Protein backbone atom coordinates (compact mmCIF):
# COMPACT_ATOMS: atom_id res chain seq x y z
CA MET A 1 -0.06 -0.08 0.07
CA THR A 2 1.13 3.60 -0.85
CA ILE A 3 0.19 6.70 0.72
CA VAL A 4 0.79 10.03 -0.88
CA THR A 5 0.81 13.08 1.48
CA HIS A 6 1.07 16.67 0.30
CA VAL A 7 2.23 19.19 2.94
CA ARG A 8 2.99 22.96 2.97
CA ILE A 9 5.72 24.15 5.20
CA LYS A 10 5.96 27.56 6.63
CA GLU A 11 8.34 29.59 4.34
CA GLY A 12 11.84 29.55 5.87
CA HIS A 13 11.28 26.39 7.81
CA GLU A 14 12.01 24.08 4.94
CA PRO A 15 15.63 23.01 6.03
CA THR A 16 14.62 22.19 9.62
CA TRP A 17 11.56 20.32 8.31
CA ASP A 18 13.64 18.30 5.86
CA ALA A 19 16.25 17.36 8.33
CA THR A 20 13.39 16.20 10.79
CA MET A 21 11.84 14.16 8.07
CA ARG A 22 15.22 12.46 7.43
CA GLU A 23 15.21 11.43 11.16
CA ARG A 24 11.68 10.14 10.89
CA ILE A 25 12.42 8.09 7.68
CA ALA A 26 15.47 6.66 9.35
CA ALA A 27 13.47 5.41 12.06
CA ALA A 28 10.74 4.08 9.94
CA LYS A 29 13.24 2.05 8.19
CA GLN A 30 13.56 -0.09 11.06
CA HIS A 31 9.76 -0.61 11.64
CA PRO A 32 8.05 -3.79 10.36
CA GLY A 33 6.17 -3.42 7.23
CA PHE A 34 8.27 -0.24 6.09
CA VAL A 35 8.92 -0.78 2.03
CA GLY A 36 10.29 2.71 0.90
CA VAL A 37 9.69 6.32 0.72
CA GLU A 38 10.15 9.21 -1.72
CA LEU A 39 10.21 12.81 -0.38
CA CYS A 40 9.54 15.14 -3.35
CA ILE A 41 9.65 19.07 -3.70
CA PRO A 42 7.29 20.37 -6.39
CA THR A 43 9.55 22.63 -8.65
CA GLU A 44 7.09 25.44 -8.54
CA LYS A 45 6.34 25.18 -4.95
CA LEU A 46 9.51 25.13 -2.92
CA ASN A 47 7.71 25.22 0.51
CA GLU A 48 5.73 22.29 -0.18
CA ARG A 49 6.44 18.68 0.02
CA VAL A 50 5.11 15.22 -1.42
CA ILE A 51 5.55 12.24 0.75
CA ILE A 52 5.20 9.02 -1.19
CA GLY A 53 5.49 6.04 1.31
CA THR A 54 5.04 2.39 0.66
CA TRP A 55 4.22 -0.11 3.39
CA GLU A 56 3.37 -3.77 3.27
CA THR A 57 -0.10 -2.99 4.98
CA ARG A 58 -2.09 -0.02 6.05
CA ALA A 59 -2.03 -1.56 9.33
CA ASP A 60 1.75 -1.50 9.38
CA TRP A 61 1.64 2.27 8.64
CA GLU A 62 -0.93 2.86 11.36
CA ALA A 63 1.29 0.91 13.82
CA TRP A 64 4.22 3.04 13.04
CA HIS A 65 2.11 6.08 13.74
CA SER A 66 1.63 4.87 17.33
CA THR A 67 5.52 4.75 18.08
CA GLN A 68 7.60 6.99 20.10
CA GLU A 69 9.86 7.77 17.30
CA PHE A 70 6.98 8.79 15.02
CA GLN A 71 5.35 10.94 17.88
CA GLU A 72 8.67 12.71 18.65
CA THR A 73 8.90 13.87 15.05
CA ARG A 74 5.11 14.71 14.57
CA ALA A 75 5.56 17.49 17.06
CA ARG A 76 8.33 19.05 15.05
CA LEU A 77 6.80 18.56 11.48
CA GLU A 78 3.30 19.64 12.09
CA GLU A 79 2.90 23.26 12.57
CA PRO A 80 -0.33 24.43 14.05
CA ASP A 81 -0.78 27.18 11.40
CA SER A 82 -0.46 24.59 8.58
CA LYS A 83 -3.52 24.24 6.74
CA THR A 84 -2.50 22.28 3.93
CA ARG A 85 -2.33 18.56 4.34
CA GLN A 86 -3.71 15.94 1.96
CA GLU A 87 -3.48 12.13 2.15
CA SER A 88 -4.51 9.52 -0.28
CA TRP A 89 -4.03 5.77 -0.42
CA HIS A 90 -3.34 3.70 -3.30
CA GLU A 91 -2.84 0.16 -3.97
CA VAL A 92 0.49 -0.62 -5.65
CA VAL A 93 -0.03 -2.58 -9.09
CA LEU A 94 3.45 -2.28 -10.28
CA ALA A 95 6.67 -0.87 -8.74
CA GLU A 96 9.88 -0.89 -10.72
CA HIS A 97 13.11 0.64 -9.54
CA ARG A 98 16.62 0.46 -11.36
């Protein structure tokens, strides 16, 4: 299962946000069910991010959200004034990587 999340970051906070996301991803790699992730910056919206995370099951992803590692980074990543956050789930039909 793949989840696609769109996030808007408060301008000027992008480097700190990206560093915290790297911490989160390093911790997620150790969690059961983690398959992979891509962190993307839209070329026309440098203060936005698209996170494409793939997990074996949605339940694995949900379990990850209850871990201490996830909760610690959540407080630093989710700003109270951020109003843009969209998530959508997708079944992976084909995934190819070089």
